[in-house]
C-alpha atoms as a PDB file:
ATOM      1  CA  MET A   1     146.775 146.270 131.145  1.00  0.00           C
ATOM      2  CA  TRP A   2     149.523 148.807 131.823  1.00  0.00           C
ATOM      3  CA  PHE A   3     148.065 152.194 130.923  1.00  0.00           C
ATOM      4  CA  LYS A   4     149.717 153.838 127.908  1.00  0.00           C
ATOM      5  CA  GLN A   5     147.570 156.959 128.246  1.00  0.00           C
ATOM      6  CA  VAL A   6     146.197 158.666 131.346  1.00  0.00           C
ATOM      7  CA  THR A   7     143.459 161.213 131.962  1.00  0.00           C
ATOM      8  CA  LEU A   8     142.775 162.171 135.560  1.00  0.00           C
ATOM      9  CA  PHE A   9     139.499 163.490 136.979  1.00  0.00           C
ATOM     10  CA  GLN A  10     138.958 164.767 140.493  1.00  0.00           C
ATOM     11  CA  LEU A  11     136.272 163.137 142.627  1.00  0.00           C
ATOM     12  CA  PRO A  12     134.350 164.992 145.339  1.00  0.00           C
ATOM     13  CA  ASP A  13     135.265 164.244 148.947  1.00  0.00           C
ATOM     14  CA  SER A  14     131.783 162.837 149.480  1.00  0.00           C
ATOM     15  CA  PHE A  15     132.545 160.013 147.031  1.00  0.00           C
ATOM     16  CA  ARG A  16     134.884 158.320 149.522  1.00  0.00           C
ATOM     17  CA  ARG A  17     131.827 157.098 151.392  1.00  0.00           C
ATOM     18  CA  LYS A  18     130.395 155.413 148.304  1.00  0.00           C
ATOM     19  CA  THR A  19     133.237 153.135 147.234  1.00  0.00           C
ATOM     20  CA  GLN A  20     131.789 150.277 149.292  1.00  0.00           C
ATOM     21  CA  GLU A  21     128.573 150.489 147.244  1.00  0.00           C
ATOM     22  CA  LEU A  22     130.329 150.599 143.886  1.00  0.00           C
ATOM     23  CA  ALA A  23     129.866 146.969 142.799  1.00  0.00           C
ATOM     24  CA  GLN A  24     126.176 147.069 143.685  1.00  0.00           C
ATOM     25  CA  LYS A  25     125.714 150.336 141.793  1.00  0.00           C
ATOM     26  CA  LEU A  26     127.409 149.019 138.642  1.00  0.00           C
ATOM     27  CA  GLU A  27     125.401 145.781 138.427  1.00  0.00           C
ATOM     28  CA  PRO A  28     122.225 147.264 136.818  1.00  0.00           C
ATOM     29  CA  LEU A  29     124.335 148.590 133.958  1.00  0.00           C
ATOM     30  CA  ALA A  30     126.426 145.454 133.423  1.00  0.00           C
ATOM     31  CA  PHE A  31     127.265 144.730 129.788  1.00  0.00           C
ATOM     32  CA  SER A  32     124.771 142.912 127.575  1.00  0.00           C
ATOM     33  CA  PRO A  33     125.574 141.889 123.973  1.00  0.00           C
ATOM     34  CA  CYS A  34     124.334 144.243 121.294  1.00  0.00           C
ATOM     35  CA  LEU A  35     120.876 143.450 119.947  1.00  0.00           C
ATOM     36  CA  PRO A  36     120.711 142.715 116.183  1.00  0.00           C
ATOM     37  CA  SER A  37     118.741 145.881 115.488  1.00  0.00           C
ATOM     38  CA  LEU A  38     121.005 148.252 117.442  1.00  0.00           C
ATOM     39  CA  PRO A  39     124.300 149.814 116.299  1.00  0.00           C
ATOM     40  CA  SER A  40     126.061 149.547 119.675  1.00  0.00           C
ATOM     41  CA  SER A  41     125.891 148.407 123.274  1.00  0.00           C
ATOM     42  CA  GLN A  42     127.924 149.240 126.361  1.00  0.00           C
ATOM     43  CA  GLY A  43     128.110 148.283 130.004  1.00  0.00           C
ATOM     44  CA  TRP A  44     130.363 147.234 132.881  1.00  0.00           C
ATOM     45  CA  VAL A  45     132.439 144.062 132.768  1.00  0.00           C
ATOM     46  CA  SER A  46     135.087 142.674 135.078  1.00  0.00           C
ATOM     47  CA  PRO A  47     138.598 144.085 134.503  1.00  0.00           C
ATOM     48  CA  VAL A  48     139.798 140.473 134.701  1.00  0.00           C
ATOM     49  CA  HIS A  49     139.228 138.180 131.709  1.00  0.00           C
ATOM     50  CA  GLU A  50     137.870 135.353 133.824  1.00  0.00           C
ATOM     51  CA  GLU A  51     134.366 133.921 133.972  1.00  0.00           C
ATOM     52  CA  ASN A  52     132.250 135.150 136.889  1.00  0.00           C
ATOM     53  CA  ALA A  53     134.944 137.590 138.031  1.00  0.00           C
ATOM     54  CA  PRO A  54     133.483 140.545 140.015  1.00  0.00           C
ATOM     55  CA  LEU A  55     132.801 143.864 138.276  1.00  0.00           C
ATOM     56  CA  VAL A  56     134.982 145.716 140.783  1.00  0.00           C
ATOM     57  CA  GLN A  57     138.553 144.785 141.669  1.00  0.00           C
ATOM     58  CA  THR A  58     140.135 146.498 144.691  1.00  0.00           C
ATOM     59  CA  ILE A  59     143.855 146.039 145.336  1.00  0.00           C
ATOM     60  CA  ASN A  60     145.750 147.913 148.046  1.00  0.00           C
ATOM     61  CA  GLY A  61     143.048 150.581 148.211  1.00  0.00           C
ATOM     62  CA  TYR A  62     142.870 151.176 144.438  1.00  0.00           C
ATOM     63  CA  THR A  63     139.625 150.101 142.754  1.00  0.00           C
ATOM     64  CA  MET A  64     139.522 149.249 139.054  1.00  0.00           C
ATOM     65  CA  LEU A  65     136.481 148.972 136.814  1.00  0.00           C
ATOM     66  CA  CYS A  66     136.043 148.434 133.101  1.00  0.00           C
ATOM     67  CA  LEU A  67     133.503 149.636 130.537  1.00  0.00           C
ATOM     68  CA  GLN A  68     133.020 147.382 127.502  1.00  0.00           C
ATOM     69  CA  ILE A  69     131.683 148.850 124.264  1.00  0.00           C
ATOM     70  CA  GLU A  70     130.383 146.753 121.371  1.00  0.00           C
ATOM     71  CA  GLU A  71     129.969 148.566 118.056  1.00  0.00           C
ATOM     72  CA  LYS A  72     128.624 147.345 114.719  1.00  0.00           C
ATOM     73  CA  ILE A  73     130.949 147.947 111.797  1.00  0.00           C
ATOM     74  CA  LEU A  74     128.759 149.241 108.985  1.00  0.00           C
ATOM     75  CA  PRO A  75     130.619 151.642 106.670  1.00  0.00           C
ATOM     76  CA  MET A  76     128.389 154.391 105.337  1.00  0.00           C
ATOM     77  CA  SER A  77     130.191 154.104 102.012  1.00  0.00           C
ATOM     78  CA  TYR A  78     128.728 150.610 101.622  1.00  0.00           C
ATOM     79  CA  VAL A  79     125.259 151.786 102.682  1.00  0.00           C
ATOM     80  CA  ASN A  80     125.398 154.621 100.140  1.00  0.00           C
ATOM     81  CA  GLN A  81     126.575 152.197  97.468  1.00  0.00           C
ATOM     82  CA  GLU A  82     123.593 149.897  98.080  1.00  0.00           C
ATOM     83  CA  LEU A  83     121.251 152.881  98.207  1.00  0.00           C
ATOM     84  CA  LEU A  84     122.498 154.066  94.819  1.00  0.00           C
ATOM     85  CA  LYS A  85     121.705 150.650  93.319  1.00  0.00           C
ATOM     86  CA  LYS A  86     118.127 150.803  94.605  1.00  0.00           C
ATOM     87  CA  LEU A  87     117.670 154.358  93.340  1.00  0.00           C
ATOM     88  CA  LYS A  88     118.786 153.337  89.848  1.00  0.00           C
ATOM     89  CA  GLU A  89     116.420 150.356  89.905  1.00  0.00           C
ATOM     90  CA  ILE A  90     113.467 152.612  90.727  1.00  0.00           C
ATOM     91  CA  GLU A  91     114.440 155.132  88.058  1.00  0.00           C
ATOM     92  CA  THR A  92     114.780 152.352  85.463  1.00  0.00           C
ATOM     93  CA  GLN A  93     111.714 150.287  86.377  1.00  0.00           C
ATOM     94  CA  GLN A  94     109.314 153.076  87.397  1.00  0.00           C
ATOM     95  CA  GLY A  95     110.680 155.896  85.275  1.00  0.00           C
ATOM     96  CA  ARG A  96     110.747 158.463  88.064  1.00  0.00           C
ATOM     97  CA  LYS A  97     113.148 160.332  90.327  1.00  0.00           C
ATOM     98  CA  VAL A  98     113.149 159.466  94.015  1.00  0.00           C
ATOM     99  CA  ARG A  99     112.385 162.397  96.272  1.00  0.00           C
ATOM    100  CA  GLN A 100     114.705 163.360  99.138  1.00  0.00           C
ATOM    101  CA  LYS A 101     112.311 162.282 101.888  1.00  0.00           C
ATOM    102  CA  GLU A 102     111.936 158.861 100.281  1.00  0.00           C
ATOM    103  CA  LYS A 103     115.728 158.551  99.983  1.00  0.00           C
ATOM    104  CA  PHE A 104     116.114 159.103 103.721  1.00  0.00           C
ATOM    105  CA  ALA A 105     113.494 156.454 104.443  1.00  0.00           C
ATOM    106  CA  MET A 106     115.184 153.994 102.077  1.00  0.00           C
ATOM    107  CA  LYS A 107     118.545 154.620 103.724  1.00  0.00           C
ATOM    108  CA  ASP A 108     117.124 154.001 107.202  1.00  0.00           C
ATOM    109  CA  GLU A 109     115.552 150.776 105.953  1.00  0.00           C
ATOM    110  CA  LEU A 110     118.875 149.670 104.463  1.00  0.00           C
ATOM    111  CA  VAL A 111     120.722 150.307 107.728  1.00  0.00           C
ATOM    112  CA  ALA A 112     118.095 148.339 109.669  1.00  0.00           C
ATOM    113  CA  THR A 113     118.448 145.439 107.190  1.00  0.00           C
ATOM    114  CA  LEU A 114     122.262 145.421 107.205  1.00  0.00           C
ATOM    115  CA  LEU A 115     122.894 145.912 110.946  1.00  0.00           C
ATOM    116  CA  PRO A 116     122.082 142.302 111.980  1.00  0.00           C
ATOM    117  CA  ARG A 117     124.665 141.047 109.462  1.00  0.00           C
ATOM    118  CA  ALA A 118     127.380 143.567 110.382  1.00  0.00           C
ATOM    119  CA  PHE A 119     130.610 142.593 112.126  1.00  0.00           C
ATOM    120  CA  THR A 120     131.100 143.880 115.665  1.00  0.00           C
ATOM    121  CA  LYS A 121     134.096 145.367 117.471  1.00  0.00           C
ATOM    122  CA  LEU A 122     134.663 145.187 121.229  1.00  0.00           C
ATOM    123  CA  THR A 123     136.516 147.977 123.035  1.00  0.00           C
ATOM    124  CA  ARG A 124     137.413 148.095 126.714  1.00  0.00           C
ATOM    125  CA  VAL A 125     138.032 151.296 128.663  1.00  0.00           C
ATOM    126  CA  TYR A 126     139.704 150.839 132.030  1.00  0.00           C
ATOM    127  CA  GLY A 127     139.677 153.220 134.949  1.00  0.00           C
ATOM    128  CA  TYR A 128     140.465 153.089 138.634  1.00  0.00           C
ATOM    129  CA  LEU A 129     139.798 155.095 141.770  1.00  0.00           C
ATOM    130  CA  ASP A 130     142.956 156.641 143.222  1.00  0.00           C
ATOM    131  CA  PRO A 131     142.555 157.435 146.940  1.00  0.00           C
ATOM    132  CA  GLU A 132     145.919 159.197 147.114  1.00  0.00           C
ATOM    133  CA  ASN A 133     144.801 161.851 144.624  1.00  0.00           C
ATOM    134  CA  ASN A 134     141.064 161.385 145.323  1.00  0.00           C
ATOM    135  CA  GLY A 135     140.716 160.935 141.588  1.00  0.00           C
ATOM    136  CA  LEU A 136     139.376 158.761 138.797  1.00  0.00           C
ATOM    137  CA  VAL A 137     142.256 157.654 136.544  1.00  0.00           C
ATOM    138  CA  LEU A 138     141.202 156.609 133.036  1.00  0.00           C
ATOM    139  CA  GLY A 139     143.507 154.692 130.718  1.00  0.00           C
ATOM    140  CA  THR A 140     142.674 156.704 127.592  1.00  0.00           C
ATOM    141  CA  ASN A 141     142.877 160.207 126.139  1.00  0.00           C
ATOM    142  CA  ASN A 142     140.250 159.533 123.475  1.00  0.00           C
ATOM    143  CA  GLN A 143     137.491 162.098 124.043  1.00  0.00           C
ATOM    144  CA  LYS A 144     134.714 159.789 122.832  1.00  0.00           C
ATOM    145  CA  ARG A 145     135.799 157.008 125.197  1.00  0.00           C
ATOM    146  CA  LEU A 146     136.248 159.448 128.077  1.00  0.00           C
ATOM    147  CA  ASP A 147     132.714 160.729 127.583  1.00  0.00           C
ATOM    148  CA  GLN A 148     131.297 157.195 127.388  1.00  0.00           C
ATOM    149  CA  PHE A 149     133.053 156.105 130.575  1.00  0.00           C
ATOM    150  CA  ARG A 150     132.115 159.215 132.529  1.00  0.00           C
ATOM    151  CA  THR A 151     128.497 159.017 131.350  1.00  0.00           C
ATOM    152  CA  TYR A 152     128.168 155.418 132.536  1.00  0.00           C
ATOM    153  CA  PHE A 153     130.032 156.140 135.754  1.00  0.00           C
ATOM    154  CA  THR A 154     127.613 158.989 136.428  1.00  0.00           C
ATOM    155  CA  ARG A 155     124.518 156.934 135.532  1.00  0.00           C
ATOM    156  CA  SER A 156     125.623 154.067 137.756  1.00  0.00           C
ATOM    157  CA  LEU A 157     126.105 156.299 140.787  1.00  0.00           C
ATOM    158  CA  ASN A 158     123.269 158.698 139.987  1.00  0.00           C
ATOM    159  CA  GLU A 159     125.678 161.623 140.185  1.00  0.00           C
ATOM    160  CA  GLU A 160     126.229 164.460 137.753  1.00  0.00           C
ATOM    161  CA  THR A 161     129.617 165.333 136.290  1.00  0.00           C
ATOM    162  CA  HIS A 162     130.666 168.888 135.450  1.00  0.00           C
ATOM    163  CA  PRO A 163     134.141 169.225 133.940  1.00  0.00           C
ATOM    164  CA  LEU A 164     135.768 172.546 134.702  1.00  0.00           C
ATOM    165  CA  ASN A 165     137.757 174.585 132.236  1.00  0.00           C
ATOM    166  CA  ILE A 166     141.459 174.023 132.827  1.00  0.00           C
ATOM    167  CA  LYS A 167     143.917 176.822 132.430  1.00  0.00           C
ATOM    168  CA  LYS A 168     146.435 175.458 129.934  1.00  0.00           C
ATOM    169  CA  LEU A 169     149.812 174.373 131.287  1.00  0.00           C
ATOM    170  CA  GLY A 170     151.658 175.676 128.210  1.00  0.00           C
ATOM    171  CA  PRO A 171     153.188 178.748 129.901  1.00  0.00           C
ATOM    172  CA  THR A 172     154.492 176.654 132.814  1.00  0.00           C
ATOM    173  CA  LEU A 173     155.925 173.926 130.573  1.00  0.00           C
ATOM    174  CA  THR A 174     157.471 176.595 128.348  1.00  0.00           C
ATOM    175  CA  LEU A 175     159.178 178.088 131.393  1.00  0.00           C
ATOM    176  CA  TRP A 176     160.529 174.651 132.278  1.00  0.00           C
ATOM    177  CA  LEU A 177     162.030 174.339 128.826  1.00  0.00           C
ATOM    178  CA  LYS A 178     163.365 177.893 128.797  1.00  0.00           C
ATOM    179  CA  THR A 179     164.924 178.036 132.267  1.00  0.00           C
ATOM    180  CA  GLN A 180     165.485 174.324 133.082  1.00  0.00           C
ATOM    181  CA  ASN A 181     164.016 175.172 136.468  1.00  0.00           C
ATOM    182  CA  TYR A 182     161.708 172.320 137.471  1.00  0.00           C
ATOM    183  CA  SER A 183     161.398 169.553 140.044  1.00  0.00           C
ATOM    184  CA  SER A 184     164.342 167.163 140.318  1.00  0.00           C
ATOM    185  CA  ASN A 185     161.847 164.289 140.145  1.00  0.00           C
ATOM    186  CA  PHE A 186     161.579 164.951 136.402  1.00  0.00           C
ATOM    187  CA  ALA A 187     163.970 165.116 133.476  1.00  0.00           C
ATOM    188  CA  LEU A 188     163.543 166.444 129.958  1.00  0.00           C
ATOM    189  CA  GLU A 189     163.488 163.899 127.157  1.00  0.00           C
ATOM    190  CA  LYS A 190     164.081 164.642 123.463  1.00  0.00           C
ATOM    191  CA  ALA A 191     160.645 165.466 122.084  1.00  0.00           C
ATOM    192  CA  CYS A 192     158.153 168.301 122.280  1.00  0.00           C
ATOM    193  CA  LEU A 193     155.399 170.040 120.350  1.00  0.00           C
ATOM    194  CA  LEU A 194     155.462 173.830 120.125  1.00  0.00           C
ATOM    195  CA  GLN A 195     152.630 176.075 119.006  1.00  0.00           C
ATOM    196  CA  ASP A 196     152.478 179.752 118.166  1.00  0.00           C
ATOM    197  CA  PRO A 197     149.547 181.170 120.204  1.00  0.00           C
ATOM    198  CA  ASN A 198     149.034 183.843 117.530  1.00  0.00           C
ATOM    199  CA  GLN A 199     149.051 181.322 114.661  1.00  0.00           C
ATOM    200  CA  GLU A 200     147.524 178.061 115.888  1.00  0.00           C
ATOM    201  CA  ASN A 201     148.340 176.295 112.627  1.00  0.00           C
ATOM    202  CA  ARG A 202     152.028 176.981 113.226  1.00  0.00           C
ATOM    203  CA  LEU A 203     153.212 173.801 114.947  1.00  0.00           C
ATOM    204  CA  ILE A 204     156.821 172.730 115.469  1.00  0.00           C
ATOM    205  CA  ARG A 205     157.266 169.015 116.162  1.00  0.00           C
ATOM    206  CA  CYS A 206     160.609 167.931 117.582  1.00  0.00           C
ATOM    207  CA  GLN A 207     161.652 164.281 117.812  1.00  0.00           C
ATOM    208  CA  HIS A 208     165.045 162.997 118.967  1.00  0.00           C
ATOM    209  CA  GLN A 209     166.241 166.580 119.405  1.00  0.00           C
ATOM    210  CA  ASP A 210     168.207 168.423 122.060  1.00  0.00           C
ATOM    211  CA  LEU A 211     165.474 170.633 123.475  1.00  0.00           C
ATOM    212  CA  LEU A 212     168.058 173.038 124.884  1.00  0.00           C
ATOM    213  CA  ALA A 213     169.695 173.647 121.488  1.00  0.00           C
ATOM    214  CA  PRO A 214     169.760 177.321 120.380  1.00  0.00           C
ATOM    215  CA  SER A 215     167.759 176.504 117.245  1.00  0.00           C
ATOM    216  CA  LEU A 216     164.824 175.186 119.245  1.00  0.00           C
ATOM    217  CA  GLN A 217     165.121 177.784 121.985  1.00  0.00           C
ATOM    218  CA  GLY A 218     164.810 180.370 119.226  1.00  0.00           C
ATOM    219  CA  PHE A 219     161.203 179.331 118.603  1.00  0.00           C
ATOM    220  CA  ILE A 220     160.446 179.982 122.271  1.00  0.00           C
ATOM    221  CA  LYS A 221     162.025 183.427 122.046  1.00  0.00           C
ATOM    222  CA  ASP A 222     159.737 184.067 119.073  1.00  0.00           C
ATOM    223  CA  GLY A 223     156.723 183.436 121.328  1.00  0.00           C
ATOM    224  CA  CYS A 224     155.965 179.753 120.720  1.00  0.00           C
ATOM    225  CA  GLN A 225     154.688 177.783 123.702  1.00  0.00           C
ATOM    226  CA  VAL A 226     154.940 174.136 124.676  1.00  0.00           C
ATOM    227  CA  LYS A 227     151.830 172.124 123.844  1.00  0.00           C
ATOM    228  CA  GLN A 228     153.361 168.725 124.608  1.00  0.00           C
ATOM    229  CA  LEU A 229     156.593 167.897 126.412  1.00  0.00           C
ATOM    230  CA  ALA A 230     158.364 164.537 126.761  1.00  0.00           C
ATOM    231  CA  LEU A 231     159.524 163.860 130.315  1.00  0.00           C
ATOM    232  CA  SER A 232     160.793 161.057 132.496  1.00  0.00           C
ATOM    233  CA  TRP A 233     160.001 160.551 136.158  1.00  0.00           C
ATOM    234  CA  GLN A 234     162.569 159.129 138.588  1.00  0.00           C
ATOM    235  CA  ASP A 235     164.008 156.944 135.819  1.00  0.00           C
ATOM    236  CA  ARG A 236     160.883 154.777 136.094  1.00  0.00           C
ATOM    237  CA  ILE A 237     158.458 156.108 133.499  1.00  0.00           C
ATOM    238  CA  GLN A 238     158.804 158.118 130.287  1.00  0.00           C
ATOM    239  CA  PHE A 239     155.743 159.984 129.045  1.00  0.00           C
ATOM    240  CA  VAL A 240     154.450 162.973 127.105  1.00  0.00           C
ATOM    241  CA  LEU A 241     152.670 165.625 129.148  1.00  0.00           C
ATOM    242  CA  ALA A 242     150.129 167.766 127.264  1.00  0.00           C
ATOM    243  CA  ASP A 243     149.061 171.253 128.225  1.00  0.00           C
ATOM    244  CA  ASP A 244     145.647 169.893 129.332  1.00  0.00           C
ATOM    245  CA  PHE A 245     147.345 167.631 131.928  1.00  0.00           C
ATOM    246  CA  SER A 246     146.763 164.422 129.958  1.00  0.00           C
ATOM    247  CA  LEU A 247     149.591 161.898 129.646  1.00  0.00           C
ATOM    248  CA  SER A 248     150.365 159.755 126.618  1.00  0.00           C
ATOM    249  CA  GLY A 249     153.063 157.444 125.321  1.00  0.00           C
ATOM    250  CA  LEU A 250     153.793 156.014 128.780  1.00  0.00           C
ATOM    251  CA  LYS A 251     156.825 153.723 128.765  1.00  0.00           C
ATOM    252  CA  TYR A 252     157.538 151.821 131.960  1.00  0.00           C
ATOM    253  CA  GLN A 253     161.156 150.944 132.609  1.00  0.00           C
ATOM    254  CA  GLU A 254     162.010 147.245 132.651  1.00  0.00           C
ATOM    255  CA  GLU A 255     162.862 147.431 136.356  1.00  0.00           C
ATOM    256  CA  LEU A 256     159.263 148.443 137.064  1.00  0.00           C
ATOM    257  CA  ILE A 257     157.803 145.674 134.894  1.00  0.00           C
ATOM    258  CA  SER A 258     160.105 143.191 136.634  1.00  0.00           C
ATOM    259  CA  GLU A 259     158.622 144.130 140.012  1.00  0.00           C
ATOM    260  CA  ALA A 260     155.276 142.768 138.803  1.00  0.00           C
ATOM    261  CA  LYS A 261     156.891 139.679 137.271  1.00  0.00           C
ATOM    262  CA  ASP A 262     158.745 138.974 140.514  1.00  0.00           C
ATOM    263  CA  LEU A 263     155.386 138.392 142.195  1.00  0.00           C
ATOM    264  CA  GLU A 264     155.263 135.107 140.218  1.00  0.00           C
ATOM    265  CA  ALA A 265     151.659 135.355 139.077  1.00  0.00           C
ATOM    266  CA  GLU A 266     150.265 132.222 137.429  1.00  0.00           C
ATOM    267  CA  THR A 267     146.543 132.723 136.843  1.00  0.00           C
ATOM    268  CA  LEU A 268     144.927 135.636 135.012  1.00  0.00           C
ATOM    269  CA  GLN A 269     143.599 136.910 138.342  1.00  0.00           C
ATOM    270  CA  GLN A 270     147.058 136.800 139.932  1.00  0.00           C
ATOM    271  CA  LYS A 271     148.665 138.505 136.939  1.00  0.00           C
ATOM    272  CA  PHE A 272     146.029 141.240 137.062  1.00  0.00           C
ATOM    273  CA  ILE A 273     146.696 141.781 140.773  1.00  0.00           C
ATOM    274  CA  ALA A 274     150.465 141.962 140.222  1.00  0.00           C
ATOM    275  CA  ASP A 275     150.286 144.414 137.316  1.00  0.00           C
ATOM    276  CA  PHE A 276     147.584 146.566 138.884  1.00  0.00           C
ATOM    277  CA  LEU A 277     149.375 146.680 142.247  1.00  0.00           C
ATOM    278  CA  ILE A 278     152.603 148.029 140.742  1.00  0.00           C
ATOM    279  CA  MET A 279     151.003 150.254 138.100  1.00  0.00           C
ATOM    280  CA  SER A 280     148.446 151.978 140.343  1.00  0.00           C
ATOM    281  CA  GLY A 281     150.930 152.753 143.104  1.00  0.00           C
ATOM    282  CA  THR A 282     153.490 154.059 140.628  1.00  0.00           C
ATOM    283  CA  LEU A 283     151.048 156.220 138.665  1.00  0.00           C
ATOM    284  CA  SER A 284     149.619 157.609 141.892  1.00  0.00           C
ATOM    285  CA  ALA A 285     153.071 158.769 142.991  1.00  0.00           C
ATOM    286  CA  LEU A 286     153.801 160.178 139.527  1.00  0.00           C
ATOM    287  CA  LEU A 287     150.557 162.160 139.410  1.00  0.00           C
ATOM    288  CA  LYS A 288     151.114 163.451 142.931  1.00  0.00           C
ATOM    289  CA  ASP A 289     154.611 164.681 142.009  1.00  0.00           C
ATOM    290  CA  LEU A 290     153.286 166.236 138.795  1.00  0.00           C
ATOM    291  CA  ARG A 291     150.618 168.166 140.641  1.00  0.00           C
ATOM    292  CA  ALA A 292     153.196 169.425 143.125  1.00  0.00           C
ATOM    293  CA  ALA A 293     155.711 170.344 140.393  1.00  0.00           C
ATOM    294  CA  LEU A 294     153.063 172.223 138.406  1.00  0.00           C
ATOM    295  CA  ARG A 295     151.638 173.782 141.576  1.00  0.00           C
ATOM    296  CA  LEU A 296     148.192 172.462 140.732  1.00  0.00           C
ATOM    297  CA  GLU A 297     145.464 173.266 143.188  1.00  0.00           C
ATOM    298  CA  GLN A 298     142.113 171.557 143.365  1.00  0.00           C
ATOM    299  CA  GLU A 299     139.324 173.621 141.853  1.00  0.00           C
ATOM    300  CA  GLU A 300     136.372 174.105 144.158  1.00  0.00           C
ATOM    301  CA  THR A 301     133.486 171.849 143.074  1.00  0.00           C
ATOM    302  CA  GLY A 302     130.743 173.852 144.689  1.00  0.00           C
ATOM    303  CA  VAL A 303     128.631 172.526 147.533  1.00  0.00           C
ATOM    304  CA  GLU A 304     130.245 169.483 149.140  1.00  0.00           C
ATOM    305  CA  GLY A 305     128.455 166.283 148.300  1.00  0.00           C
ATOM    306  CA  GLN A 306     127.023 167.318 144.925  1.00  0.00           C
ATOM    307  CA  GLY A 307     128.989 164.487 143.355  1.00  0.00           C
ATOM    308  CA  LYS A 308     130.746 166.217 140.502  1.00  0.00           C
ATOM    309  CA  ILE A 309     133.701 164.746 138.653  1.00  0.00           C
ATOM    310  CA  VAL A 310     136.026 167.449 137.409  1.00  0.00           C
ATOM    311  CA  PRO A 311     139.303 167.410 135.517  1.00  0.00           C
ATOM    312  CA  MET A 312     142.409 167.958 137.603  1.00  0.00           C
ATOM    313  CA  ALA A 313     142.737 171.519 138.623  1.00  0.00           C
ATOM    314  CA  LYS A 314     144.183 174.598 137.044  1.00  0.00           C
ATOM    315  CA  VAL A 315     147.571 176.174 137.559  1.00  0.00           C
ATOM    316  CA  GLY A 316     147.688 178.359 140.636  1.00  0.00           C
END
């Protein structure tokens, strides 16, 4: 349950008053298994894999929720293969070509016939409310999953979300790499992704490299900017920071994992509490330090109380 990816959205100040109503608001959109005739289904489930566990889990002020998505696996290549067989049968038996409109209708009929027999895949997207950063922390960077979670979060609370455009962090991260002038809470690791702003297809990927070596610094002198930068925070977490303020490849140091193990959890519920307690507090402090180091300022969300969720702010 330890997040390997992180995307952070800002919540409006007015949302603080609604956390007590969260469980009640989520209930109408609780997960129901996918009907045979539908390609997918989604809804809220408990973050804990225990029967009758509540939809909302609040530990030390942090509140976690989980969206479950069930999707039918029906490859279009197989559908097209079956459609081709039917088309050939009609051509052979009736001696005619099938028109385009009829083909579309036959394909829709095939999909409807095959869906009830298709395998399904379950995906869980976790997120929690972070009071320290007044944010919604999602454990994914996948745009499709982010959109699904935010859509359901918005529907459940009857509030609209309006992501703001974020000024890219590339220039700031490039300056870090060029001058080695950044917060002492962070240290450079040995990986980065550089991009030439004038030639977006020109990407330089560096793995297990000294980022201060003259050869790599030469790309920066040529105008390339940092798109992703590997960092560590207080010798507790290693991660890759992207220029859109998303985090990926999180690796928690063994000392941090041991803190959760030392709580001697036995049941699934106890293990969830232990992991979530350590992870949420640690990520909250990391994100707070990142915002300070990057001099991020919260973007105005318009009239207070409109209930917008916006990505973490732009560089000041």
